[in-house]
Amino acid sequence: MSELKKLEHIIKGIDCRVYGQTDVEVNGVVFDSRKIARGNVFVAVRGTQVDGHNYLSEAASKGAVGIICEHFPEDLDDAISKVVVKNSSIALGIAAANFYDNPSEELKVVGITGTNGKTSIATLLYRLFSKLEQKSGLLSTVKNMVGDKEITATHTTPDAVTIQWILKEMVDAGCRYAFMEISSHAIDQNRITGLDIDIAVFTNLTHDHLDYHKDFNSYLKAKKKLFDGLPSHAIALINTDDKHSGILVQNTDATVKTYGVHSLAEYKAKIIENHFDGMLIQIDNTEVWTKIIGEFNASNLLAVYTVARLMGFQKHEILRILSSLDTVEGRFEYVQSNSGVIAIIDYAHTPDALKNVLKTINQIIGDKSQIITVVGAGGDRDKTKRPIMGGIAAELSNKVVLTSDNPRGEEPQVIIDEMMKGVPSNLKNQVLSIADRKEAIRTACMLAKSGDVILIAGKGHETYQEIKGEKHFFSDKKVVSELFMTNNFNLQ
């Protein structure tokens, strides 16, 4: 629990009109009406599903001492302070930052945004800086870390209050650096308002989240908003291999730095050799062997290296540690059977990510062996990418098993059928449809022989399947590891 703050402190920097006292003491900032407690300030945010303005009376009845909202609530007790703002989601970020004493100002904050690579870059930065003996924190899709202490992650980017609370925990624990994924949803919903970001990294922009953003231009604008809002002391680090990188920094006040594998950039990398057990890569004109493989990971490693260099660390010390780092959980994880079949578990759940992983596997194995891909698509999400992913899987694999991912409220077979629509007619005979994911993985194992590669894509680190509103335990890695260990492909 943070110490008590006066309301006047909480609303500092917020463009607002105040009705009532500002010297009342506040013991917390909340936006979820279910979590309101006596002494809180309740911020009425208009969400995608619920409008917090419908819960102002409930907030007052539960003992909230102040309300931040977008229109004056006529029917509330005069004793409760009302703060009227233009945009309550922006106000929430500033209020949360103020309540927790603006922790991002005490940290070097690196935010990573883009369709793919966020988790890998954030996690590798956290591991690198930890090995550089720099106490750090991590906010990621997989997990949040405060030094060595883990805090369970529920979203790629948490809500504004949780972000500030975790950053405050980092400051109190003596952390100096914070590495965080920043999703387009978080930018659009102003969850990162109130953050002092020192380096913002852009990885790439490809087809994803169009169920939320509606069109690609809106998706691009959401990412650009991050860079538009950077302060002049910040650095905008962009991947010049992506054609959208220049657009993102057109209006930024930050210093622009560039990295790239295939294009002109200040920091460069090149793959020398690529194998399943590692990759020889040249970074900044120096060769280094890494256990992390794939062209997309060459770009990720270069981004990690560049951030560390921009933070003032020595080139050879960074490269020495990078060579010792393991792959990030659920990102091109490698499992091999006694019979010589290789399984790759990867989070690839967008067309571009799936293509990148399959291209990497093809480059390594050539024509010697076959690729068997197990892949699905999430329910209640962007439907336009389903046929695209089905087509990519069929064109870059020898065999495909289309299956269930996280179907959520949809029927798995409906999603599979939509993926099948993207499979060219001449390739349909190499594509199977098996809705049960465990059965799909078992079938892929049955089809594989020594030297073949099974790609299990879409869920990566996740240890559940979300079906009809419930999460059921399911781990791709656990399933395939047990199959490989027992060599028994007749699971009951």
Protein backbone atom coordinates (compact mmCIF):
# COMPACT_ATOMS: atom_id res chain seq x y z
CA MET A 1 0.00 0.00 0.00
CA SER A 2 1.36 3.40 -0.95
CA GLU A 3 1.18 6.16 1.65
CA LEU A 4 -1.87 8.43 1.74
CA LYS A 5 -1.94 11.26 -0.79
CA LYS A 6 -4.05 14.40 -0.98
CA LEU A 7 -6.46 14.64 -3.89
CA GLU A 8 -4.68 17.83 -5.00
CA HIS A 9 -1.52 15.73 -5.44
CA ILE A 10 -3.37 13.01 -7.36
CA ILE A 11 -4.79 15.45 -9.95
CA LYS A 12 -1.59 17.45 -10.46
CA GLY A 13 -0.97 17.88 -14.21
CA ILE A 14 -4.53 16.90 -15.17
CA ASP A 15 -6.53 19.44 -17.18
CA CYS A 16 -9.71 19.53 -15.09
CA ARG A 17 -12.45 21.38 -13.24
CA VAL A 18 -12.80 20.55 -9.55
CA TYR A 19 -16.01 20.64 -7.52
CA GLY A 20 -15.38 20.11 -3.83
CA GLN A 21 -12.36 19.76 -1.54
CA THR A 22 -8.90 18.80 -2.83
CA ASP A 23 -7.22 18.36 0.56
CA VAL A 24 -9.01 15.06 1.25
CA GLU A 25 -6.76 12.06 1.81
CA VAL A 26 -6.68 9.31 -0.81
CA ASN A 27 -5.53 5.73 -0.22
CA GLY A 28 -5.85 4.37 -3.76
CA VAL A 29 -6.81 5.07 -7.38
CA VAL A 30 -9.23 2.59 -8.99
CA PHE A 31 -11.20 2.36 -12.24
CA ASP A 32 -12.90 -1.00 -11.64
CA SER A 33 -16.10 -0.44 -9.64
CA ARG A 34 -15.79 -3.93 -8.14
CA LYS A 35 -12.52 -2.92 -6.42
CA ILE A 36 -13.68 0.37 -4.90
CA ALA A 37 -12.86 0.71 -1.19
CA ARG A 38 -13.38 3.50 1.33
CA GLY A 39 -10.90 6.34 0.77
CA ASN A 40 -10.33 5.62 -2.94
CA VAL A 41 -10.57 7.92 -5.91
CA PHE A 42 -12.72 6.30 -8.61
CA VAL A 43 -11.90 7.13 -12.23
CA ALA A 44 -14.86 6.59 -14.57
CA VAL A 45 -13.31 5.25 -17.77
CA ARG A 46 -15.27 4.48 -20.93
CA GLY A 47 -14.08 0.97 -21.81
CA THR A 48 -14.74 -1.18 -24.86
CA GLN A 49 -17.43 -3.14 -22.96
CA VAL A 50 -18.35 -1.07 -19.88
CA ASP A 51 -18.69 2.65 -19.12
CA GLY A 52 -17.43 3.56 -15.67
CA HIS A 53 -19.81 6.51 -15.57
CA ASN A 54 -22.60 4.02 -14.86
CA TYR A 55 -21.01 3.27 -11.48
CA LEU A 56 -20.57 6.73 -9.95
CA SER A 57 -23.32 6.23 -7.37
CA GLU A 58 -21.87 2.85 -6.43
CA ALA A 59 -18.46 4.46 -5.95
CA ALA A 60 -19.96 7.06 -3.63
CA SER A 61 -21.88 4.44 -1.64
CA LYS A 62 -18.71 2.36 -1.17
CA GLY A 63 -16.90 5.32 0.37
CA ALA A 64 -14.90 6.82 -2.49
CA VAL A 65 -13.69 10.29 -1.46
CA GLY A 66 -13.33 11.55 -5.02
CA ILE A 67 -14.54 10.85 -8.53
CA ILE A 68 -12.79 11.66 -11.79
CA CYS A 69 -15.22 11.67 -14.71
CA GLU A 70 -16.02 13.30 -18.05
CA HIS A 71 -19.34 14.95 -17.15
CA PHE A 72 -20.62 16.45 -13.93
CA PRO A 73 -22.71 13.97 -11.92
CA GLU A 74 -25.69 16.02 -10.71
CA ASP A 75 -27.16 13.35 -8.44
CA LEU A 76 -24.11 12.70 -6.24
CA ASP A 77 -23.70 13.85 -2.64
CA ASP A 78 -22.03 17.26 -2.42
CA ALA A 79 -19.61 15.84 0.16
CA ILE A 80 -17.75 13.79 -2.47
CA SER A 81 -15.19 15.68 -4.56
CA LYS A 82 -15.78 15.64 -8.31
CA VAL A 83 -13.03 16.18 -10.88
CA VAL A 84 -14.32 16.71 -14.42
CA VAL A 85 -11.91 16.01 -17.29
CA LYS A 86 -12.03 15.76 -21.09
CA ASN A 87 -10.65 12.23 -21.22
CA SER A 88 -10.80 10.06 -18.13
CA SER A 89 -8.47 7.35 -19.52
CA ILE A 90 -5.71 9.97 -19.86
CA ALA A 91 -6.53 11.28 -16.38
CA LEU A 92 -6.31 7.73 -14.99
CA GLY A 93 -2.72 7.34 -16.18
CA ILE A 94 -1.62 10.65 -14.68
CA ALA A 95 -3.52 10.07 -11.41
CA ALA A 96 -2.01 6.57 -11.01
CA ALA A 97 1.49 7.90 -11.73
CA ASN A 98 1.00 10.69 -9.16
CA PHE A 99 -0.34 8.30 -6.53
CA TYR A 100 2.73 6.05 -6.86
CA ASP A 101 5.13 9.04 -6.93
CA ASN A 102 5.87 8.89 -10.66
CA PRO A 103 8.15 5.83 -10.46
CA SER A 104 9.10 5.87 -14.16
CA GLU A 105 11.07 9.07 -13.48
CA GLU A 106 13.31 7.07 -11.13
CA LEU A 107 13.93 4.32 -13.71
CA LYS A 108 15.39 4.00 -17.17
CA VAL A 109 12.28 2.75 -18.99
CA VAL A 110 12.55 0.94 -22.33
CA GLY A 111 9.23 0.28 -24.11
CA ILE A 112 9.00 -2.13 -27.04
CA THR A 113 6.16 -1.97 -29.54
CA GLY A 114 5.43 -3.72 -32.84
CA THR A 115 3.47 -6.71 -34.10
CA ASN A 116 6.18 -9.29 -33.45
CA GLY A 117 9.30 -9.45 -31.27
CA LYS A 118 8.08 -7.50 -28.22
CA THR A 119 8.29 -10.37 -25.75
CA SER A 120 11.65 -11.62 -27.01
CA ILE A 121 13.30 -8.20 -26.94
CA ALA A 122 11.90 -7.19 -23.54
CA THR A 123 12.81 -10.55 -21.96
CA LEU A 124 16.30 -10.68 -23.48
CA LEU A 125 16.96 -7.10 -22.31
CA TYR A 126 15.90 -8.05 -18.80
CA ARG A 127 18.20 -11.10 -18.83
CA LEU A 128 21.09 -9.17 -20.38
CA PHE A 129 20.93 -6.31 -17.88
CA SER A 130 20.55 -8.74 -14.98
CA LYS A 131 23.79 -10.42 -16.11
CA LEU A 132 25.37 -6.97 -16.42
CA GLU A 133 24.56 -6.77 -12.68
CA GLN A 134 22.02 -4.02 -13.25
CA LYS A 135 18.93 -4.70 -11.15
CA SER A 136 15.98 -4.55 -13.53
CA GLY A 137 12.28 -5.16 -13.94
CA LEU A 138 10.19 -6.69 -16.73
CA LEU A 139 6.59 -6.25 -17.88
CA SER A 140 5.79 -8.80 -20.56
CA THR A 141 3.17 -11.13 -22.01
CA VAL A 142 4.81 -14.12 -20.31
CA LYS A 143 5.57 -12.67 -16.87
CA ASN A 144 6.35 -9.54 -14.90
CA MET A 145 9.55 -9.40 -12.85
CA VAL A 146 10.67 -7.05 -10.09
CA GLY A 147 14.32 -7.98 -9.74
CA ASP A 148 14.14 -11.74 -9.07
CA LYS A 149 10.52 -11.64 -7.87
CA GLU A 150 7.83 -12.78 -10.33
CA ILE A 151 4.40 -11.17 -10.64
CA THR A 152 1.88 -13.04 -12.80
CA ALA A 153 1.12 -11.39 -16.15
CA THR A 154 -2.45 -11.28 -17.48
CA HIS A 155 -2.06 -8.87 -20.42
CA THR A 156 0.73 -7.87 -22.81
CA THR A 157 0.54 -4.42 -21.20
CA PRO A 158 -1.29 -4.13 -17.85
CA ASP A 159 -3.81 -1.41 -17.00
CA ALA A 160 -2.52 2.06 -16.09
CA VAL A 161 -2.81 1.55 -12.31
CA THR A 162 -1.07 -1.83 -12.37
CA ILE A 163 1.76 -0.46 -14.54
CA GLN A 164 2.46 2.31 -12.02
CA TRP A 165 2.17 -0.07 -9.06
CA ILE A 166 4.67 -2.52 -10.60
CA LEU A 167 7.07 0.30 -11.48
CA LYS A 168 6.81 1.57 -7.88
CA GLU A 169 7.63 -1.96 -6.69
CA MET A 170 10.71 -1.85 -8.95
CA VAL A 171 11.85 1.47 -7.51
CA ASP A 172 11.33 0.26 -3.94
CA ALA A 173 13.30 -2.92 -4.74
CA GLY A 174 16.25 -0.89 -6.02
CA CYS A 175 15.80 -1.54 -9.74
CA ARG A 176 17.43 0.91 -12.14
CA TYR A 177 15.95 -0.31 -15.44
CA ALA A 178 12.48 -1.37 -16.57
CA PHE A 179 11.78 -3.20 -19.83
CA MET A 180 8.18 -3.41 -21.00
CA GLU A 181 6.10 -4.53 -23.93
CA ILE A 182 3.72 -1.85 -25.17
CA SER A 183 0.76 -3.14 -27.14
CA SER A 184 -1.28 -1.12 -29.62
CA HIS A 185 -4.32 -1.62 -27.37
CA ALA A 186 -2.42 -0.08 -24.45
CA ILE A 187 -1.39 2.94 -26.52
CA ASP A 188 -4.90 3.45 -27.91
CA GLN A 189 -6.48 3.15 -24.46
CA ASN A 190 -3.96 5.55 -22.89
CA ARG A 191 -2.68 2.92 -20.46
CA ILE A 192 0.88 4.27 -20.81
CA THR A 193 -0.10 7.89 -20.09
CA GLY A 194 2.01 9.15 -17.19
CA LEU A 195 5.04 7.07 -18.19
CA ASP A 196 8.44 8.69 -18.69
CA ILE A 197 9.91 6.49 -21.44
CA ASP A 198 13.64 6.76 -22.15
CA ILE A 199 13.86 4.49 -25.19
CA ALA A 200 10.93 3.37 -27.37
CA VAL A 201 11.74 0.48 -29.70
CA PHE A 202 9.74 -0.26 -32.87
CA THR A 203 10.12 -3.80 -34.24
CA ASN A 204 7.73 -4.16 -37.18
CA LEU A 205 4.14 -3.72 -38.24
CA THR A 206 2.20 -6.52 -39.93
CA HIS A 207 -1.34 -7.92 -40.05
CA ASP A 208 -2.82 -8.25 -36.54
CA HIS A 209 -5.49 -6.90 -34.18
CA LEU A 210 -7.71 -5.65 -37.00
CA ASP A 211 -10.71 -6.88 -35.00
CA TYR A 212 -9.92 -4.03 -32.60
CA HIS A 213 -8.38 -1.36 -34.83
CA LYS A 214 -10.72 -2.11 -37.79
CA ASP A 215 -8.15 -1.24 -40.47
CA PHE A 216 -4.39 -1.23 -40.90
CA ASN A 217 -4.10 2.57 -40.95
CA SER A 218 -5.74 2.81 -37.52
CA TYR A 219 -3.32 0.14 -36.25
CA LEU A 220 -0.42 2.20 -37.63
CA LYS A 221 -1.76 5.38 -36.02
CA ALA A 222 -1.97 3.65 -32.64
CA LYS A 223 1.71 2.73 -32.83
CA LYS A 224 2.64 6.22 -34.05
CA LYS A 225 0.90 7.78 -31.05
CA LEU A 226 3.60 6.31 -28.80
CA PHE A 227 6.39 8.03 -30.73
CA ASP A 228 4.43 11.27 -31.13
CA GLY A 229 4.25 11.51 -27.34
CA LEU A 230 7.92 10.87 -26.53
CA PRO A 231 9.76 13.67 -24.69
CA SER A 232 12.80 15.35 -26.21
CA HIS A 233 15.19 13.51 -23.87
CA ALA A 234 13.98 10.11 -25.17
CA ILE A 235 15.34 7.95 -27.98
CA ALA A 236 13.12 6.44 -30.70
CA LEU A 237 14.85 3.27 -31.90
CA ILE A 238 13.31 2.02 -35.14
CA ASN A 239 13.81 -1.03 -37.34
CA THR A 240 14.55 0.29 -40.82
CA ASP A 241 13.79 -3.13 -42.32
CA ASP A 242 10.12 -2.27 -41.82
CA LYS A 243 8.71 0.13 -44.41
CA HIS A 244 6.52 1.87 -41.81
CA SER A 245 9.41 2.87 -39.52
CA GLY A 246 9.90 6.31 -41.06
CA ILE A 247 6.22 7.20 -40.72
CA LEU A 248 6.23 6.43 -37.00
CA VAL A 249 8.88 9.04 -36.19
CA GLN A 250 7.74 11.84 -38.51
CA ASN A 251 6.48 13.98 -35.63
CA THR A 252 8.54 12.78 -32.68
CA ASP A 253 10.57 15.10 -30.47
CA ALA A 254 12.83 12.19 -29.52
CA THR A 255 16.26 11.49 -30.98
CA VAL A 256 15.85 8.88 -33.73
CA LYS A 257 18.26 5.92 -33.89
CA THR A 258 18.07 3.03 -36.37
CA TYR A 259 18.84 -0.68 -36.54
CA GLY A 260 18.42 -3.13 -39.41
CA VAL A 261 19.49 -6.44 -40.90
CA HIS A 262 18.62 -5.77 -44.57
CA SER A 263 18.60 -1.98 -44.82
CA LEU A 264 20.74 1.07 -44.16
CA ALA A 265 20.94 1.68 -40.43
CA GLU A 266 23.29 2.93 -37.73
CA TYR A 267 23.40 -0.51 -36.09
CA LYS A 268 23.65 -3.52 -38.40
CA ALA A 269 23.55 -7.31 -38.16
CA LYS A 270 24.07 -10.18 -40.61
CA ILE A 271 23.50 -13.92 -40.29
CA ILE A 272 26.61 -15.96 -41.13
CA GLU A 273 25.31 -19.45 -40.26
CA ASN A 274 21.93 -20.68 -39.04
CA HIS A 275 21.39 -24.09 -37.39
CA PHE A 276 18.87 -25.58 -34.99
CA ASP A 277 21.42 -25.54 -32.17
CA GLY A 278 22.49 -21.94 -32.75
CA MET A 279 23.32 -19.09 -35.09
CA LEU A 280 26.54 -17.33 -36.03
CA ILE A 281 25.68 -13.69 -36.41
CA GLN A 282 27.67 -10.55 -37.10
CA ILE A 283 26.56 -7.62 -34.96
CA ASP A 284 28.21 -4.23 -35.34
CA ASN A 285 31.01 -5.85 -37.42
CA THR A 286 31.80 -8.49 -34.77
CA GLU A 287 30.87 -12.18 -35.03
CA VAL A 288 29.07 -13.86 -32.13
CA TRP A 289 27.59 -17.34 -31.69
CA THR A 290 24.14 -17.39 -30.11
CA LYS A 291 21.79 -20.16 -29.04
CA ILE A 292 18.89 -18.07 -30.35
CA ILE A 293 18.20 -18.73 -34.02
CA GLY A 294 16.26 -17.38 -36.99
CA GLU A 295 16.35 -14.28 -39.17
CA PHE A 296 13.65 -12.61 -37.06
CA ASN A 297 15.76 -13.24 -33.96
CA ALA A 298 18.77 -11.67 -35.63
CA SER A 299 16.70 -8.49 -35.72
CA ASN A 300 15.58 -8.99 -32.10
CA LEU A 301 19.15 -9.56 -30.89
CA LEU A 302 20.31 -6.48 -32.76
CA ALA A 303 17.61 -4.40 -31.07
CA VAL A 304 18.72 -5.72 -27.66
CA TYR A 305 22.36 -4.98 -28.43
CA THR A 306 21.53 -1.48 -29.66
CA VAL A 307 19.52 -0.58 -26.54
CA ALA A 308 22.40 -1.70 -24.33
CA ARG A 309 24.90 0.32 -26.38
CA LEU A 310 22.64 3.39 -26.23
CA MET A 311 22.53 2.92 -22.45
CA GLY A 312 26.33 3.17 -22.40
CA PHE A 313 27.45 -0.44 -21.98
CA GLN A 314 30.54 -1.84 -23.68
CA LYS A 315 30.22 -3.66 -27.00
CA HIS A 316 32.21 -6.81 -26.19
CA GLU A 317 30.61 -7.25 -22.76
CA ILE A 318 27.14 -7.08 -24.35
CA LEU A 319 28.05 -9.60 -27.06
CA ARG A 320 29.67 -11.97 -24.54
CA ILE A 321 26.45 -12.12 -22.52
CA LEU A 322 24.18 -12.30 -25.60
CA SER A 323 26.03 -15.47 -26.66
CA SER A 324 25.08 -17.12 -23.35
CA LEU A 325 21.36 -16.33 -23.39
CA ASP A 326 18.75 -19.02 -24.09
CA THR A 327 15.67 -18.59 -26.23
CA VAL A 328 12.63 -16.96 -24.65
CA GLU A 329 9.94 -19.36 -23.44
CA GLY A 330 7.56 -20.28 -26.25
CA ARG A 331 9.64 -18.51 -28.87
CA PHE A 332 11.28 -21.03 -31.23
CA GLU A 333 11.67 -23.53 -28.38
CA TYR A 334 13.36 -26.73 -29.49
CA VAL A 335 12.50 -30.32 -28.41
CA GLN A 336 14.04 -33.43 -30.01
CA SER A 337 12.86 -37.04 -29.85
CA ASN A 338 15.10 -40.08 -29.48
CA SER A 339 14.23 -40.95 -33.08
CA GLY A 340 15.58 -37.63 -34.38
CA VAL A 341 12.31 -35.72 -34.90
CA ILE A 342 12.53 -32.05 -33.96
CA ALA A 343 9.59 -30.09 -32.57
CA ILE A 344 9.60 -26.29 -32.56
CA ILE A 345 7.11 -24.58 -30.22
CA ASP A 346 6.48 -20.99 -31.20
CA TYR A 347 3.98 -18.26 -30.31
CA ALA A 348 3.57 -17.30 -33.99
CA HIS A 349 -0.09 -16.28 -34.21
CA THR A 350 0.06 -13.70 -37.01
CA PRO A 351 0.66 -14.29 -40.73
CA ASP A 352 4.05 -12.56 -40.67
CA ALA A 353 5.28 -14.41 -37.58
CA LEU A 354 4.19 -17.77 -39.02
CA LYS A 355 5.92 -16.99 -42.32
CA ASN A 356 9.14 -15.96 -40.53
CA VAL A 357 9.30 -19.13 -38.45
CA LEU A 358 8.58 -21.40 -41.42
CA LYS A 359 11.12 -19.58 -43.60
CA THR A 360 13.75 -20.07 -40.90
CA ILE A 361 13.01 -23.80 -40.65
CA ASN A 362 13.11 -24.16 -44.45
CA GLN A 363 16.46 -22.35 -44.64
CA ILE A 364 17.98 -24.69 -42.07
CA ILE A 365 16.70 -28.05 -43.34
CA GLY A 366 16.64 -27.32 -47.09
CA ASP A 367 15.15 -30.21 -49.06
CA LYS A 368 16.50 -32.94 -46.78
CA SER A 369 13.45 -33.34 -44.56
CA GLN A 370 9.81 -32.37 -44.32
CA ILE A 371 8.06 -29.74 -42.22
CA ILE A 372 4.78 -30.66 -40.54
CA THR A 373 2.94 -27.64 -39.19
CA VAL A 374 0.28 -27.72 -36.49
CA VAL A 375 -1.53 -24.38 -36.35
CA GLY A 376 -4.87 -22.77 -35.53
CA ALA A 377 -6.21 -19.26 -34.96
CA GLY A 378 -7.81 -17.58 -31.96
CA GLY A 379 -11.56 -17.23 -31.68
CA ASP A 380 -13.33 -13.88 -31.22
CA ARG A 381 -10.33 -12.10 -32.73
CA ASP A 382 -9.26 -10.79 -36.14
CA LYS A 383 -10.93 -13.16 -38.61
CA THR A 384 -9.28 -11.72 -41.72
CA LYS A 385 -5.93 -13.30 -40.89
CA ARG A 386 -7.30 -16.87 -40.75
CA PRO A 387 -7.25 -17.74 -44.48
CA ILE A 388 -3.91 -15.94 -44.85
CA MET A 389 -2.36 -18.10 -42.15
CA GLY A 390 -3.87 -21.25 -43.66
CA GLY A 391 -2.30 -20.39 -47.01
CA ILE A 392 1.12 -19.60 -45.53
CA ALA A 393 1.17 -22.86 -43.57
CA ALA A 394 0.30 -24.90 -46.66
CA GLU A 395 2.75 -23.14 -48.98
CA LEU A 396 5.74 -23.33 -46.62
CA SER A 397 5.14 -26.80 -45.13
CA ASN A 398 5.04 -30.33 -46.50
CA LYS A 399 2.05 -31.27 -44.35
CA VAL A 400 -0.31 -29.18 -42.25
CA VAL A 401 -2.66 -30.06 -39.41
CA LEU A 402 -5.16 -27.25 -38.88
CA THR A 403 -6.46 -27.35 -35.32
CA SER A 404 -7.94 -25.46 -32.39
CA ASP A 405 -6.02 -22.59 -30.77
CA ASN A 406 -7.96 -20.59 -28.17
CA PRO A 407 -11.44 -20.85 -29.72
CA ARG A 408 -12.98 -18.76 -26.92
CA GLY A 409 -16.66 -18.33 -27.81
CA GLU A 410 -16.42 -19.74 -31.35
CA GLU A 411 -16.65 -23.31 -32.62
CA PRO A 412 -13.14 -24.61 -33.46
CA GLN A 413 -14.28 -26.22 -36.71
CA VAL A 414 -15.69 -22.90 -37.97
CA ILE A 415 -12.27 -21.27 -37.44
CA ILE A 416 -10.50 -24.18 -39.12
CA ASP A 417 -12.85 -23.98 -42.11
CA GLU A 418 -12.04 -20.29 -42.49
CA MET A 419 -8.31 -21.08 -42.42
CA MET A 420 -8.85 -23.80 -45.02
CA LYS A 421 -10.32 -21.22 -47.42
CA GLY A 422 -6.82 -19.73 -47.82
CA VAL A 423 -5.20 -23.04 -48.80
CA PRO A 424 -4.56 -23.21 -52.57
CA SER A 425 -6.61 -25.95 -54.21
CA ASN A 426 -3.50 -27.83 -55.36
CA LEU A 427 -2.25 -28.07 -51.76
CA LYS A 428 -5.47 -29.10 -49.99
CA ASN A 429 -4.51 -32.79 -50.13
CA GLN A 430 -1.59 -32.14 -47.77
CA VAL A 431 -3.76 -30.40 -45.16
CA LEU A 432 -5.62 -32.22 -42.38
CA SER A 433 -8.31 -30.80 -40.12
CA ILE A 434 -8.29 -32.04 -36.50
CA ALA A 435 -10.08 -29.82 -33.99
CA ASP A 436 -8.69 -31.53 -30.87
CA ARG A 437 -5.26 -29.91 -30.38
CA LYS A 438 -3.69 -32.83 -28.51
CA GLU A 439 -4.89 -35.20 -31.23
CA ALA A 440 -3.49 -32.82 -33.87
CA ILE A 441 -0.05 -32.83 -32.23
CA ARG A 442 -0.16 -36.63 -31.87
CA THR A 443 -1.03 -36.96 -35.56
CA ALA A 444 1.89 -34.71 -36.54
CA CYS A 445 4.20 -36.94 -34.49
CA MET A 446 2.84 -40.02 -36.30
CA LEU A 447 3.51 -38.40 -39.68
CA ALA A 448 7.10 -37.43 -38.82
CA LYS A 449 10.24 -39.47 -39.37
CA SER A 450 13.85 -38.90 -38.32
CA GLY A 451 15.10 -35.48 -39.42
CA ASP A 452 11.63 -34.02 -39.90
CA VAL A 453 10.53 -30.86 -38.11
CA ILE A 454 7.15 -30.38 -36.45
CA LEU A 455 6.21 -26.75 -35.96
CA ILE A 456 3.55 -26.28 -33.27
CA ALA A 457 2.50 -22.67 -33.72
CA GLY A 458 0.20 -20.15 -32.11
CA LYS A 459 0.30 -20.69 -28.34
CA GLY A 460 3.98 -20.80 -27.41
CA HIS A 461 4.37 -20.19 -23.67
CA GLU A 462 0.64 -20.45 -22.90
CA THR A 463 -0.40 -23.23 -20.54
CA TYR A 464 -4.11 -23.15 -21.26
CA GLN A 465 -6.79 -23.29 -23.91
CA GLU A 466 -9.62 -20.80 -23.59
CA ILE A 467 -12.91 -22.51 -24.50
CA LYS A 468 -16.40 -21.09 -23.92
CA GLY A 469 -15.21 -18.66 -21.26
CA GLU A 470 -13.12 -21.21 -19.34
CA LYS A 471 -9.37 -21.80 -19.32
CA HIS A 472 -8.34 -25.46 -19.45
CA PHE A 473 -4.75 -26.52 -18.78
CA PHE A 474 -2.91 -27.18 -22.02
CA SER A 475 0.78 -26.91 -22.88
CA ASP A 476 2.07 -27.58 -26.40
CA LYS A 477 5.55 -28.22 -25.01
CA LYS A 478 4.31 -30.64 -22.35
CA VAL A 479 2.18 -32.59 -24.84
CA VAL A 480 4.91 -33.02 -27.45
CA SER A 481 7.61 -33.71 -24.82
CA GLU A 482 5.54 -36.51 -23.31
CA LEU A 483 4.86 -37.96 -26.76
CA PHE A 484 8.57 -37.87 -27.57
CA MET A 485 9.53 -39.34 -24.19
CA THR A 486 7.16 -42.28 -24.35
CA ASN A 487 7.30 -42.63 -28.12
CA ASN A 488 3.60 -43.44 -27.72
CA PHE A 489 1.41 -41.71 -30.25
CA ASN A 490 -1.75 -43.46 -29.15
CA LEU A 491 -2.81 -41.06 -26.40
CA GLN A 492 -6.13 -41.82 -24.77
